[in-house]
Amino acid sequence: TASFCGKLLADFGADVVKVEKPRTDAASSDRDASRSPLHRASFLYHNGRKQSIALDFEQAAGLEILLDLVSRFDVLLESFPPGTMETLGIGYQVLRARNPRLILASVTGFGQTGPRSHWKSCDLVAAACGGQAHVTGLPSGEPLKLAGTQALNLGSLHAALGIVMALIQRDATGRGDHLDISLQEAVASGLDHVLVRYFNSGEVASRSGGRTWNALSFIVPCRDGWLQIFPFQQWDTLVGWMAAEGMA
């Protein structure tokens, strides 16, 4: 769920260690021949700059190794269902006792608390519940999920930014923090014009195909593909281009 967050931090220069469960999580890596080339490429993209350690922290010895790592690290990033860390004996209070300066970042579908916190989530669920799918697609069609894992990436982006801000705050206060990142909230916050229009005028956004909500750009079919036009900003450029071809 939050592997893109770790990749972003690694790209920024952080030393990132991916904790894998022995013979379980590693099966999703590029070493697993049963995985498709796309899955293996995705794994390498998200984890290429990271170090890794196979650790069963459900066992006492593995748990102690994890706590030792926590005492020496700045940030712990996790995406277990809410309550799992406490059940394993590594809740935030336990971790903070080991390292008062630790930043714990928890990325879940609907946050650590609230009526939907126990719901399971994925990129599709986050896109739907966050409102992204509702405004994607043709007016006469069904809601659509954006390509790739953009909802998960938004959650990871919020987590990465939150971690950086928490580290800056820690430098000023000397205290760590627990960041609660909700995929649903992250997706909703990315729908800038949708929220603004609703809170300003009560307008509920709808799907408009390849046309933006304010008609400042739209996509039209051509003989050999598709063309996106920005008439408000680039109308003179378009007319000049057509005039050069004798079609203005």
C-alpha atoms as a PDB file:
ATOM      1  CA  THR A   1       0.000   0.000   0.000  1.00  0.00           C
ATOM      2  CA  ALA A   2       2.747   2.477   0.901  1.00  0.00           C
ATOM      3  CA  SER A   3       5.716   1.116  -1.063  1.00  0.00           C
ATOM      4  CA  PHE A   4       5.721   4.238  -3.253  1.00  0.00           C
ATOM      5  CA  CYS A   5       6.267   6.341  -0.125  1.00  0.00           C
ATOM      6  CA  GLY A   6       9.436   4.407   0.679  1.00  0.00           C
ATOM      7  CA  LYS A   7      10.587   4.807  -2.924  1.00  0.00           C
ATOM      8  CA  LEU A   8      10.080   8.580  -2.792  1.00  0.00           C
ATOM      9  CA  LEU A   9      12.088   8.860   0.427  1.00  0.00           C
ATOM     10  CA  ALA A  10      14.834   6.663  -1.038  1.00  0.00           C
ATOM     11  CA  ASP A  11      14.914   8.848  -4.159  1.00  0.00           C
ATOM     12  CA  PHE A  12      15.309  11.883  -1.882  1.00  0.00           C
ATOM     13  CA  GLY A  13      18.425  10.254  -0.408  1.00  0.00           C
ATOM     14  CA  ALA A  14      17.070   8.450   2.664  1.00  0.00           C
ATOM     15  CA  ASP A  15      18.421   5.050   3.668  1.00  0.00           C
ATOM     16  CA  VAL A  16      15.336   2.829   3.423  1.00  0.00           C
ATOM     17  CA  VAL A  17      15.166  -0.766   4.658  1.00  0.00           C
ATOM     18  CA  LYS A  18      12.225  -2.920   3.532  1.00  0.00           C
ATOM     19  CA  VAL A  19      11.203  -5.485   6.144  1.00  0.00           C
ATOM     20  CA  GLU A  20       9.976  -8.676   4.475  1.00  0.00           C
ATOM     21  CA  LYS A  21       8.385 -11.701   6.103  1.00  0.00           C
ATOM     22  CA  PRO A  22      10.451 -14.812   5.338  1.00  0.00           C
ATOM     23  CA  ARG A  23       9.145 -16.856   2.372  1.00  0.00           C
ATOM     24  CA  THR A  24       6.017 -14.707   2.143  1.00  0.00           C
ATOM     25  CA  ASP A  25       6.526 -11.099   1.131  1.00  0.00           C
ATOM     26  CA  ALA A  26       9.657 -12.006  -0.847  1.00  0.00           C
ATOM     27  CA  ALA A  27       7.469 -14.146  -3.115  1.00  0.00           C
ATOM     28  CA  SER A  28       6.195 -10.943  -4.691  1.00  0.00           C
ATOM     29  CA  SER A  29       9.675  -9.850  -5.682  1.00  0.00           C
ATOM     30  CA  ASP A  30      11.414  -9.983  -9.027  1.00  0.00           C
ATOM     31  CA  ARG A  31      12.931 -13.327  -7.992  1.00  0.00           C
ATOM     32  CA  ASP A  32       9.560 -15.105  -8.250  1.00  0.00           C
ATOM     33  CA  ALA A  33       9.388 -16.621 -11.757  1.00  0.00           C
ATOM     34  CA  SER A  34       5.611 -17.164 -11.431  1.00  0.00           C
ATOM     35  CA  ARG A  35       5.019 -13.421 -11.434  1.00  0.00           C
ATOM     36  CA  SER A  36       4.347 -11.642 -14.724  1.00  0.00           C
ATOM     37  CA  PRO A  37       7.012  -9.311 -16.154  1.00  0.00           C
ATOM     38  CA  LEU A  38       4.736  -6.376 -15.241  1.00  0.00           C
ATOM     39  CA  HIS A  39       4.597  -7.437 -11.576  1.00  0.00           C
ATOM     40  CA  ARG A  40       8.343  -7.952 -11.439  1.00  0.00           C
ATOM     41  CA  ALA A  41       8.974  -4.586 -13.091  1.00  0.00           C
ATOM     42  CA  SER A  42       6.618  -2.903 -10.602  1.00  0.00           C
ATOM     43  CA  PHE A  43       8.444  -4.523  -7.686  1.00  0.00           C
ATOM     44  CA  LEU A  44      11.810  -3.311  -8.978  1.00  0.00           C
ATOM     45  CA  TYR A  45      10.446   0.193  -9.582  1.00  0.00           C
ATOM     46  CA  HIS A  46       9.098   0.505  -6.039  1.00  0.00           C
ATOM     47  CA  ASN A  47      12.008  -1.188  -4.249  1.00  0.00           C
ATOM     48  CA  GLY A  48      15.099  -0.742  -6.424  1.00  0.00           C
ATOM     49  CA  ARG A  49      16.807   1.782  -4.120  1.00  0.00           C
ATOM     50  CA  LYS A  50      15.896   0.044  -0.858  1.00  0.00           C
ATOM     51  CA  GLN A  51      17.823  -2.346   1.315  1.00  0.00           C
ATOM     52  CA  SER A  52      15.876  -5.326   2.676  1.00  0.00           C
ATOM     53  CA  ILE A  53      15.810  -7.688   5.613  1.00  0.00           C
ATOM     54  CA  ALA A  54      13.770 -10.884   6.069  1.00  0.00           C
ATOM     55  CA  LEU A  55      12.360 -10.738   9.581  1.00  0.00           C
ATOM     56  CA  ASP A  56       9.572 -12.644  11.320  1.00  0.00           C
ATOM     57  CA  PHE A  57       8.717 -10.164  14.060  1.00  0.00           C
ATOM     58  CA  GLU A  58       5.777 -12.309  15.164  1.00  0.00           C
ATOM     59  CA  GLN A  59       8.470 -14.398  16.897  1.00  0.00           C
ATOM     60  CA  ALA A  60      10.192 -13.076  20.035  1.00  0.00           C
ATOM     61  CA  ALA A  61      13.668 -12.999  18.476  1.00  0.00           C
ATOM     62  CA  GLY A  62      12.453 -11.224  15.346  1.00  0.00           C
ATOM     63  CA  LEU A  63      10.459  -8.748  17.422  1.00  0.00           C
ATOM     64  CA  GLU A  64      13.542  -7.834  19.444  1.00  0.00           C
ATOM     65  CA  ILE A  65      15.548  -7.271  16.257  1.00  0.00           C
ATOM     66  CA  LEU A  66      12.810  -4.977  14.954  1.00  0.00           C
ATOM     67  CA  LEU A  67      12.753  -3.009  18.222  1.00  0.00           C
ATOM     68  CA  ASP A  68      16.526  -2.685  18.043  1.00  0.00           C
ATOM     69  CA  LEU A  69      16.218  -1.267  14.526  1.00  0.00           C
ATOM     70  CA  VAL A  70      13.496   1.119  15.712  1.00  0.00           C
ATOM     71  CA  SER A  71      15.801   2.453  18.432  1.00  0.00           C
ATOM     72  CA  ARG A  72      18.302   3.495  15.755  1.00  0.00           C
ATOM     73  CA  PHE A  73      16.028   4.635  12.912  1.00  0.00           C
ATOM     74  CA  ASP A  74      14.201   7.927  12.335  1.00  0.00           C
ATOM     75  CA  VAL A  75      11.008   6.638  10.683  1.00  0.00           C
ATOM     76  CA  LEU A  76       8.889   3.475  10.656  1.00  0.00           C
ATOM     77  CA  LEU A  77       6.399   3.173   7.791  1.00  0.00           C
ATOM     78  CA  GLU A  78       3.623   0.562   8.027  1.00  0.00           C
ATOM     79  CA  SER A  79       0.341  -0.265   6.299  1.00  0.00           C
ATOM     80  CA  PHE A  80      -1.182  -2.985   8.510  1.00  0.00           C
ATOM     81  CA  PRO A  81      -4.925  -2.878   9.292  1.00  0.00           C
ATOM     82  CA  PRO A  82      -5.591  -0.651  12.334  1.00  0.00           C
ATOM     83  CA  GLY A  83      -4.840  -2.442  15.604  1.00  0.00           C
ATOM     84  CA  THR A  84      -2.416  -4.956  14.102  1.00  0.00           C
ATOM     85  CA  MET A  85       0.680  -3.222  15.460  1.00  0.00           C
ATOM     86  CA  GLU A  86      -0.799  -3.244  18.975  1.00  0.00           C
ATOM     87  CA  THR A  87      -1.713  -6.928  18.655  1.00  0.00           C
ATOM     88  CA  LEU A  88       1.871  -7.722  17.673  1.00  0.00           C
ATOM     89  CA  GLY A  89       3.157  -5.810  20.692  1.00  0.00           C
ATOM     90  CA  ILE A  90       4.708  -2.985  18.685  1.00  0.00           C
ATOM     91  CA  GLY A  91       2.101  -0.246  18.998  1.00  0.00           C
ATOM     92  CA  TYR A  92       3.165   3.398  18.944  1.00  0.00           C
ATOM     93  CA  GLN A  93       3.477   3.639  22.731  1.00  0.00           C
ATOM     94  CA  VAL A  94       5.876   0.657  22.793  1.00  0.00           C
ATOM     95  CA  LEU A  95       7.901   2.073  19.902  1.00  0.00           C
ATOM     96  CA  ARG A  96       8.027   5.535  21.452  1.00  0.00           C
ATOM     97  CA  ALA A  97       9.379   4.034  24.674  1.00  0.00           C
ATOM     98  CA  ARG A  98      12.250   2.593  22.651  1.00  0.00           C
ATOM     99  CA  ASN A  99      12.795   5.774  20.618  1.00  0.00           C
ATOM    100  CA  PRO A 100      11.041   8.996  21.680  1.00  0.00           C
ATOM    101  CA  ARG A 101      12.223  10.662  18.443  1.00  0.00           C
ATOM    102  CA  LEU A 102      10.648   8.032  16.160  1.00  0.00           C
ATOM    103  CA  ILE A 103       8.190   9.052  13.431  1.00  0.00           C
ATOM    104  CA  LEU A 104       5.613   6.276  12.903  1.00  0.00           C
ATOM    105  CA  ALA A 105       3.671   6.661   9.645  1.00  0.00           C
ATOM    106  CA  SER A 106       0.577   4.441   9.293  1.00  0.00           C
ATOM    107  CA  VAL A 107      -1.095   4.283   5.860  1.00  0.00           C
ATOM    108  CA  THR A 108      -4.502   2.586   5.767  1.00  0.00           C
ATOM    109  CA  GLY A 109      -7.650   2.698   3.675  1.00  0.00           C
ATOM    110  CA  PHE A 110      -9.768   4.776   6.068  1.00  0.00           C
ATOM    111  CA  GLY A 111      -7.467   5.834   8.899  1.00  0.00           C
ATOM    112  CA  GLN A 112      -6.847   4.459  12.379  1.00  0.00           C
ATOM    113  CA  THR A 113     -10.218   5.482  13.843  1.00  0.00           C
ATOM    114  CA  GLY A 114     -13.757   6.120  12.674  1.00  0.00           C
ATOM    115  CA  PRO A 115     -16.695   4.013  11.456  1.00  0.00           C
ATOM    116  CA  ARG A 116     -14.878   2.719   8.344  1.00  0.00           C
ATOM    117  CA  SER A 117     -11.448   2.130   9.854  1.00  0.00           C
ATOM    118  CA  HIS A 118     -12.012  -1.650   9.829  1.00  0.00           C
ATOM    119  CA  TRP A 119     -12.949  -1.722   6.118  1.00  0.00           C
ATOM    120  CA  LYS A 120     -10.508  -3.351   3.724  1.00  0.00           C
ATOM    121  CA  SER A 121      -9.212  -1.217   0.873  1.00  0.00           C
ATOM    122  CA  CYS A 122      -7.161  -1.261  -2.325  1.00  0.00           C
ATOM    123  CA  ASP A 123      -6.521   1.160  -5.189  1.00  0.00           C
ATOM    124  CA  LEU A 124     -10.010   0.568  -6.638  1.00  0.00           C
ATOM    125  CA  VAL A 125     -11.787   1.022  -3.294  1.00  0.00           C
ATOM    126  CA  ALA A 126      -9.760   4.141  -2.482  1.00  0.00           C
ATOM    127  CA  ALA A 127     -10.515   5.646  -5.904  1.00  0.00           C
ATOM    128  CA  ALA A 128     -14.245   4.992  -5.446  1.00  0.00           C
ATOM    129  CA  CYS A 129     -14.624   6.052  -1.808  1.00  0.00           C
ATOM    130  CA  GLY A 130     -12.366   9.079  -2.277  1.00  0.00           C
ATOM    131  CA  GLY A 131     -14.511  10.337  -5.186  1.00  0.00           C
ATOM    132  CA  GLN A 132     -11.875   9.968  -7.898  1.00  0.00           C
ATOM    133  CA  ALA A 133     -13.811   7.363  -9.881  1.00  0.00           C
ATOM    134  CA  HIS A 134     -17.056   9.374  -9.673  1.00  0.00           C
ATOM    135  CA  VAL A 135     -15.629  12.198 -11.808  1.00  0.00           C
ATOM    136  CA  THR A 136     -13.734   9.955 -14.257  1.00  0.00           C
ATOM    137  CA  GLY A 137     -15.408   8.667 -17.410  1.00  0.00           C
ATOM    138  CA  LEU A 138     -18.105   9.644 -19.888  1.00  0.00           C
ATOM    139  CA  PRO A 139     -21.305  11.395 -18.702  1.00  0.00           C
ATOM    140  CA  SER A 140     -23.383   8.483 -19.997  1.00  0.00           C
ATOM    141  CA  GLY A 141     -21.057   5.799 -18.677  1.00  0.00           C
ATOM    142  CA  GLU A 142     -20.068   4.235 -15.386  1.00  0.00           C
ATOM    143  CA  PRO A 143     -17.438   5.605 -12.989  1.00  0.00           C
ATOM    144  CA  LEU A 144     -13.888   4.619 -13.955  1.00  0.00           C
ATOM    145  CA  LYS A 145     -10.701   4.021 -12.007  1.00  0.00           C
ATOM    146  CA  LEU A 146      -7.646   5.867 -13.274  1.00  0.00           C
ATOM    147  CA  ALA A 147      -4.859   3.800 -14.816  1.00  0.00           C
ATOM    148  CA  GLY A 148      -2.208   2.292 -12.571  1.00  0.00           C
ATOM    149  CA  THR A 149      -2.334   2.750  -8.804  1.00  0.00           C
ATOM    150  CA  GLN A 150      -2.838   6.498  -8.602  1.00  0.00           C
ATOM    151  CA  ALA A 151      -5.011   6.336  -5.469  1.00  0.00           C
ATOM    152  CA  LEU A 152      -2.315   4.368  -3.613  1.00  0.00           C
ATOM    153  CA  ASN A 153       0.325   6.750  -4.941  1.00  0.00           C
ATOM    154  CA  LEU A 154      -1.601   9.732  -3.551  1.00  0.00           C
ATOM    155  CA  GLY A 155      -1.637   8.096  -0.121  1.00  0.00           C
ATOM    156  CA  SER A 156       2.089   7.439  -0.358  1.00  0.00           C
ATOM    157  CA  LEU A 157       2.745  11.017  -1.480  1.00  0.00           C
ATOM    158  CA  HIS A 158       0.848  12.398   1.526  1.00  0.00           C
ATOM    159  CA  ALA A 159       2.758  10.029   3.801  1.00  0.00           C
ATOM    160  CA  ALA A 160       6.130  11.108   2.371  1.00  0.00           C
ATOM    161  CA  LEU A 161       5.312  14.807   2.744  1.00  0.00           C
ATOM    162  CA  GLY A 162       3.961  14.200   6.242  1.00  0.00           C
ATOM    163  CA  ILE A 163       7.142  12.376   7.232  1.00  0.00           C
ATOM    164  CA  VAL A 164       9.326  15.231   5.995  1.00  0.00           C
ATOM    165  CA  MET A 165       7.232  17.779   7.905  1.00  0.00           C
ATOM    166  CA  ALA A 166       7.270  15.601  11.033  1.00  0.00           C
ATOM    167  CA  LEU A 167      11.065  15.374  10.858  1.00  0.00           C
ATOM    168  CA  ILE A 168      11.305  19.157  10.628  1.00  0.00           C
ATOM    169  CA  GLN A 169       8.991  19.478  13.643  1.00  0.00           C
ATOM    170  CA  ARG A 170      11.030  16.876  15.540  1.00  0.00           C
ATOM    171  CA  ASP A 171      14.181  18.921  14.994  1.00  0.00           C
ATOM    172  CA  ALA A 172      12.428  21.812  16.727  1.00  0.00           C
ATOM    173  CA  THR A 173      10.756  19.883  19.560  1.00  0.00           C
ATOM    174  CA  GLY A 174      12.887  16.764  19.995  1.00  0.00           C
ATOM    175  CA  ARG A 175       9.728  14.607  19.948  1.00  0.00           C
ATOM    176  CA  GLY A 176       8.516  12.082  17.416  1.00  0.00           C
ATOM    177  CA  ASP A 177       4.937  11.640  16.202  1.00  0.00           C
ATOM    178  CA  HIS A 178       2.401   9.146  14.832  1.00  0.00           C
ATOM    179  CA  LEU A 179       1.076  10.063  11.389  1.00  0.00           C
ATOM    180  CA  ASP A 180      -2.359   8.679  10.454  1.00  0.00           C
ATOM    181  CA  ILE A 181      -2.713   8.642   6.640  1.00  0.00           C
ATOM    182  CA  SER A 182      -6.101   7.710   5.145  1.00  0.00           C
ATOM    183  CA  LEU A 183      -6.181   6.722   1.469  1.00  0.00           C
ATOM    184  CA  GLN A 184      -9.757   7.981   1.198  1.00  0.00           C
ATOM    185  CA  GLU A 185      -8.811  11.420   2.524  1.00  0.00           C
ATOM    186  CA  ALA A 186      -5.670  11.559   0.370  1.00  0.00           C
ATOM    187  CA  VAL A 187      -7.695  10.849  -2.779  1.00  0.00           C
ATOM    188  CA  ALA A 188     -10.399  13.362  -1.844  1.00  0.00           C
ATOM    189  CA  SER A 189      -7.820  16.083  -1.214  1.00  0.00           C
ATOM    190  CA  GLY A 190      -6.455  15.552  -4.734  1.00  0.00           C
ATOM    191  CA  LEU A 191      -9.802  16.514  -6.301  1.00  0.00           C
ATOM    192  CA  ASP A 192      -9.106  20.219  -6.038  1.00  0.00           C
ATOM    193  CA  HIS A 193     -11.884  21.680  -8.210  1.00  0.00           C
ATOM    194  CA  VAL A 194     -14.433  19.136  -6.942  1.00  0.00           C
ATOM    195  CA  LEU A 195     -14.095  20.197  -3.302  1.00  0.00           C
ATOM    196  CA  VAL A 196     -13.879  23.912  -4.098  1.00  0.00           C
ATOM    197  CA  ARG A 197     -17.043  23.870  -6.195  1.00  0.00           C
ATOM    198  CA  TYR A 198     -18.997  21.891  -3.594  1.00  0.00           C
ATOM    199  CA  PHE A 199     -18.019  24.000  -0.587  1.00  0.00           C
ATOM    200  CA  ASN A 200     -18.390  27.273  -2.506  1.00  0.00           C
ATOM    201  CA  SER A 201     -21.662  26.681  -4.371  1.00  0.00           C
ATOM    202  CA  GLY A 202     -22.956  23.248  -3.372  1.00  0.00           C
ATOM    203  CA  GLU A 203     -22.345  21.905  -6.883  1.00  0.00           C
ATOM    204  CA  VAL A 204     -21.696  18.159  -7.073  1.00  0.00           C
ATOM    205  CA  ALA A 205     -19.180  17.404  -9.832  1.00  0.00           C
ATOM    206  CA  SER A 206     -19.993  14.790 -12.452  1.00  0.00           C
ATOM    207  CA  ARG A 207     -18.210  12.940 -15.232  1.00  0.00           C
ATOM    208  CA  SER A 208     -17.483  14.950 -18.380  1.00  0.00           C
ATOM    209  CA  GLY A 209     -15.348  12.647 -20.503  1.00  0.00           C
ATOM    210  CA  GLY A 210     -12.344  14.335 -22.089  1.00  0.00           C
ATOM    211  CA  ARG A 211     -13.663  17.830 -21.333  1.00  0.00           C
ATOM    212  CA  THR A 212     -12.530  19.607 -18.186  1.00  0.00           C
ATOM    213  CA  TRP A 213     -15.211  20.907 -15.834  1.00  0.00           C
ATOM    214  CA  ASN A 214     -14.685  24.535 -16.966  1.00  0.00           C
ATOM    215  CA  ALA A 215     -14.246  23.687 -20.690  1.00  0.00           C
ATOM    216  CA  LEU A 216     -10.713  25.128 -20.707  1.00  0.00           C
ATOM    217  CA  SER A 217      -9.489  21.962 -22.401  1.00  0.00           C
ATOM    218  CA  PHE A 218     -10.982  18.978 -24.165  1.00  0.00           C
ATOM    219  CA  ILE A 219      -9.903  15.913 -26.101  1.00  0.00           C
ATOM    220  CA  VAL A 220     -11.170  15.318 -29.635  1.00  0.00           C
ATOM    221  CA  PRO A 221     -10.683  12.391 -32.028  1.00  0.00           C
ATOM    222  CA  CYS A 222      -8.476  12.832 -35.096  1.00  0.00           C
ATOM    223  CA  ARG A 223      -7.869  10.644 -38.127  1.00  0.00           C
ATOM    224  CA  ASP A 224      -4.747   9.109 -36.598  1.00  0.00           C
ATOM    225  CA  GLY A 225      -5.360   9.445 -32.859  1.00  0.00           C
ATOM    226  CA  TRP A 226      -6.481  12.024 -30.318  1.00  0.00           C
ATOM    227  CA  LEU A 227      -5.734  15.717 -29.742  1.00  0.00           C
ATOM    228  CA  GLN A 228      -6.043  17.704 -26.523  1.00  0.00           C
ATOM    229  CA  ILE A 229      -6.899  21.348 -27.094  1.00  0.00           C
ATOM    230  CA  PHE A 230      -6.605  24.268 -24.667  1.00  0.00           C
ATOM    231  CA  PRO A 231      -8.636  26.972 -26.470  1.00  0.00           C
ATOM    232  CA  PHE A 232      -8.506  29.464 -23.593  1.00  0.00           C
ATOM    233  CA  GLN A 233      -4.715  29.499 -23.416  1.00  0.00           C
ATOM    234  CA  GLN A 234      -3.596  28.380 -26.859  1.00  0.00           C
ATOM    235  CA  TRP A 235      -6.294  29.415 -29.334  1.00  0.00           C
ATOM    236  CA  ASP A 236      -3.975  31.724 -31.314  1.00  0.00           C
ATOM    237  CA  THR A 237      -1.387  28.944 -31.518  1.00  0.00           C
ATOM    238  CA  LEU A 238      -4.004  26.539 -32.875  1.00  0.00           C
ATOM    239  CA  VAL A 239      -5.259  29.022 -35.482  1.00  0.00           C
ATOM    240  CA  GLY A 240      -1.673  29.796 -36.539  1.00  0.00           C
ATOM    241  CA  TRP A 241      -0.914  26.085 -36.885  1.00  0.00           C
ATOM    242  CA  MET A 242      -4.023  25.550 -39.027  1.00  0.00           C
ATOM    243  CA  ALA A 243      -3.227  28.632 -41.134  1.00  0.00           C
ATOM    244  CA  ALA A 244       0.230  27.229 -41.887  1.00  0.00           C
ATOM    245  CA  GLU A 245      -1.517  24.186 -43.368  1.00  0.00           C
ATOM    246  CA  GLY A 246      -4.013  26.315 -45.339  1.00  0.00           C
ATOM    247  CA  MET A 247      -6.946  25.201 -43.194  1.00  0.00           C
ATOM    248  CA  ALA A 248      -7.669  28.217 -40.987  1.00  0.00           C
END
